């Protein structure tokens, strides 16, 4: 991913990308978790689409519930 491109992304999208990559979750699996298409995830990560509020809330909920705190 181009660093300049990454700077333009929404903070929540940046967190999503880092969270997904840290856990080796493929885009297709994240798309299934959020009940969206793989294209939605891909386009969001490339800055071509914004997540709808309900998609973003679902994402943040998954990220919080699947992050181990210790």
C-alpha atoms as a PDB file:
ATOM      1  CA  UNK A   1       0.000   0.000   0.000  1.00  0.00           C
ATOM      2  CA  UNK A   2       1.247   3.439  -0.880  1.00  0.00           C
ATOM      3  CA  UNK A   3       2.039   5.491   2.238  1.00  0.00           C
ATOM      4  CA  UNK A   4       0.571   8.681   0.718  1.00  0.00           C
ATOM      5  CA  UNK A   5      -2.658   6.804   0.065  1.00  0.00           C
ATOM      6  CA  UNK A   6      -2.738   5.531   3.661  1.00  0.00           C
ATOM      7  CA  UNK A   7      -2.505   9.090   5.028  1.00  0.00           C
ATOM      8  CA  UNK A   8      -5.757  10.044   3.278  1.00  0.00           C
ATOM      9  CA  UNK A   9      -7.831   7.244   4.827  1.00  0.00           C
ATOM     10  CA  UNK A  10     -10.252   7.693   7.707  1.00  0.00           C
ATOM     11  CA  UNK A  11      -8.710   6.785  11.096  1.00  0.00           C
ATOM     12  CA  UNK A  12     -11.188   3.936  11.587  1.00  0.00           C
ATOM     13  CA  UNK A  13     -10.265   2.501   8.195  1.00  0.00           C
ATOM     14  CA  UNK A  14      -6.567   2.708   9.090  1.00  0.00           C
ATOM     15  CA  UNK A  15      -7.313   0.819  12.308  1.00  0.00           C
ATOM     16  CA  UNK A  16      -9.322  -1.766  10.357  1.00  0.00           C
ATOM     17  CA  UNK A  17      -6.475  -2.381   7.918  1.00  0.00           C
ATOM     18  CA  UNK A  18      -3.891  -2.717  10.670  1.00  0.00           C
ATOM     19  CA  UNK A  19      -6.197  -4.890  12.804  1.00  0.00           C
ATOM     20  CA  UNK A  20      -6.985  -7.169   9.858  1.00  0.00           C
ATOM     21  CA  UNK A  21      -3.364  -7.543   8.820  1.00  0.00           C
ATOM     22  CA  UNK A  22      -2.098  -8.098  12.391  1.00  0.00           C
ATOM     23  CA  UNK A  23      -4.497 -11.037  12.681  1.00  0.00           C
ATOM     24  CA  UNK A  24      -3.939 -12.362   9.154  1.00  0.00           C
ATOM     25  CA  UNK A  25      -7.642 -12.021   8.355  1.00  0.00           C
ATOM     26  CA  UNK A  26      -8.215 -12.020   4.592  1.00  0.00           C
ATOM     27  CA  UNK A  27     -10.570  -9.449   3.094  1.00  0.00           C
ATOM     28  CA  UNK A  28     -13.055 -12.157   2.179  1.00  0.00           C
ATOM     29  CA  UNK A  29     -13.309 -13.339   5.788  1.00  0.00           C
ATOM     30  CA  UNK A  30     -13.770  -9.796   7.094  1.00  0.00           C
ATOM     31  CA  UNK A  31     -16.431  -9.210   4.454  1.00  0.00           C
ATOM     32  CA  UNK A  32     -18.298 -12.309   5.648  1.00  0.00           C
ATOM     33  CA  UNK A  33     -18.060 -11.133   9.268  1.00  0.00           C
ATOM     34  CA  UNK A  34     -19.540  -7.751   8.344  1.00  0.00           C
ATOM     35  CA  UNK A  35     -22.124  -9.116   5.889  1.00  0.00           C
ATOM     36  CA  UNK A  36     -20.720  -7.058   3.025  1.00  0.00           C
ATOM     37  CA  UNK A  37     -19.031  -7.942  -0.259  1.00  0.00           C
ATOM     38  CA  UNK A  38     -15.303  -8.408  -0.616  1.00  0.00           C
ATOM     39  CA  UNK A  39     -15.383  -5.462  -3.041  1.00  0.00           C
ATOM     40  CA  UNK A  40     -16.741  -3.284  -0.224  1.00  0.00           C
ATOM     41  CA  UNK A  41     -13.756  -4.121   1.977  1.00  0.00           C
ATOM     42  CA  UNK A  42     -11.298  -3.694  -0.878  1.00  0.00           C
ATOM     43  CA  UNK A  43     -12.784  -0.378  -1.982  1.00  0.00           C
ATOM     44  CA  UNK A  44     -12.902   0.894   1.596  1.00  0.00           C
ATOM     45  CA  UNK A  45      -9.253   0.034   2.141  1.00  0.00           C
ATOM     46  CA  UNK A  46      -8.332   1.799  -1.107  1.00  0.00           C
ATOM     47  CA  UNK A  47     -10.330   4.898  -0.164  1.00  0.00           C
ATOM     48  CA  UNK A  48     -12.849   4.399  -2.971  1.00  0.00           C
ATOM     49  CA  UNK A  49     -15.807   3.851  -0.651  1.00  0.00           C
ATOM     50  CA  UNK A  50     -16.807   4.780   2.873  1.00  0.00           C
ATOM     51  CA  UNK A  51     -18.459   2.326   5.211  1.00  0.00           C
ATOM     52  CA  UNK A  52     -22.073   3.064   6.045  1.00  0.00           C
ATOM     53  CA  UNK A  53     -22.666   3.896   9.736  1.00  0.00           C
ATOM     54  CA  UNK A  54     -24.103   0.445  10.481  1.00  0.00           C
ATOM     55  CA  UNK A  55     -21.162  -1.260   8.731  1.00  0.00           C
ATOM     56  CA  UNK A  56     -18.690   0.867  10.649  1.00  0.00           C
ATOM     57  CA  UNK A  57     -20.419   0.113  13.949  1.00  0.00           C
ATOM     58  CA  UNK A  58     -20.393  -3.615  13.191  1.00  0.00           C
ATOM     59  CA  UNK A  59     -16.695  -3.409  12.305  1.00  0.00           C
ATOM     60  CA  UNK A  60     -15.780  -1.560  15.487  1.00  0.00           C
ATOM     61  CA  UNK A  61     -17.819  -4.040  17.525  1.00  0.00           C
ATOM     62  CA  UNK A  62     -16.003  -7.014  15.931  1.00  0.00           C
ATOM     63  CA  UNK A  63     -12.626  -5.366  16.396  1.00  0.00           C
ATOM     64  CA  UNK A  64     -13.360  -4.737  20.066  1.00  0.00           C
ATOM     65  CA  UNK A  65     -14.765  -8.203  20.750  1.00  0.00           C
ATOM     66  CA  UNK A  66     -11.953 -10.018  18.913  1.00  0.00           C
ATOM     67  CA  UNK A  67      -9.128  -8.016  20.502  1.00  0.00           C
ATOM     68  CA  UNK A  68      -7.638  -9.721  23.498  1.00  0.00           C
ATOM     69  CA  UNK A  69      -6.741  -7.508  26.382  1.00  0.00           C
ATOM     70  CA  UNK A  70      -4.428  -8.806  29.006  1.00  0.00           C
END
